[in-house]
Amino acid sequence: MRAECPECAAEITLPAGTLESEIIACPDCGAELEVVSLNPPTLALAPEVEEDWGE
């Protein structure tokens, strides 16, 4: 399966067994991407993990 990086438009080959919601890194720009759909293969920028200071 192939998908396009939403950050740099590079074509990314998704490994066999890739699941929805999985986080992968773009080999070209290094952006962290979330697999939002497998049919068709669609990637989105992964949400930033926010610090939890126990509040």
Protein backbone atom coordinates (compact mmCIF):
# COMPACT_ATOMS: atom_id res chain seq x y z
CA MET A 1 0.00 0.00 0.00
CA ARG A 2 1.15 3.50 -0.77
CA ALA A 3 0.05 6.80 0.72
CA GLU A 4 1.16 10.42 0.45
CA CYS A 5 2.78 12.35 3.28
CA PRO A 6 0.56 15.38 4.07
CA GLU A 7 3.66 17.34 5.16
CA CYS A 8 6.04 16.94 2.19
CA ALA A 9 3.95 15.01 -0.41
CA ALA A 10 6.43 12.12 -0.50
CA GLU A 11 5.02 8.74 -1.48
CA ILE A 12 5.26 6.34 1.47
CA THR A 13 4.99 2.58 1.24
CA LEU A 14 3.03 1.29 4.23
CA PRO A 15 4.42 -1.97 5.66
CA ALA A 16 2.29 -5.12 5.50
CA GLY A 17 0.13 -5.37 8.61
CA THR A 18 -0.23 -1.62 9.07
CA LEU A 19 -3.30 -0.79 11.16
CA GLU A 20 -5.54 2.26 11.36
CA SER A 21 -4.44 4.70 14.10
CA GLU A 22 -0.85 3.45 13.83
CA ILE A 23 1.86 6.14 13.97
CA ILE A 24 4.60 6.00 11.36
CA ALA A 25 7.41 8.39 10.41
CA CYS A 26 7.89 9.84 6.95
CA PRO A 27 11.28 8.67 5.65
CA ASP A 28 11.75 11.95 3.73
CA CYS A 29 10.80 14.73 6.18
CA GLY A 30 10.62 12.79 9.47
CA ALA A 31 7.07 13.94 10.28
CA GLU A 32 5.09 11.66 12.58
CA LEU A 33 2.00 10.49 10.71
CA GLU A 34 -1.16 8.71 11.77
CA VAL A 35 -2.79 6.16 9.51
CA VAL A 36 -6.37 7.46 9.39
CA SER A 37 -7.66 5.05 6.74
CA LEU A 38 -6.49 1.92 4.96
CA ASN A 39 -9.05 1.99 2.16
CA PRO A 40 -7.91 4.24 0.55
CA PRO A 41 -4.57 4.56 2.38
CA THR A 42 -4.67 8.00 4.01
CA LEU A 43 -2.19 9.66 6.36
CA ALA A 44 -2.53 12.74 8.58
CA LEU A 45 -0.12 14.54 10.85
CA ALA A 46 -0.08 12.74 14.18
CA PRO A 47 -1.51 14.76 17.08
CA GLU A 48 1.08 16.35 19.32
CA VAL A 49 1.43 14.63 22.67
CA GLU A 50 0.82 17.24 25.34
CA GLU A 51 2.56 17.25 28.70
CA ASP A 52 0.38 16.16 31.61
CA TRP A 53 1.65 17.83 34.73
CA GLY A 54 -0.86 16.10 36.98
CA GLU A 55 -3.33 18.95 36.90
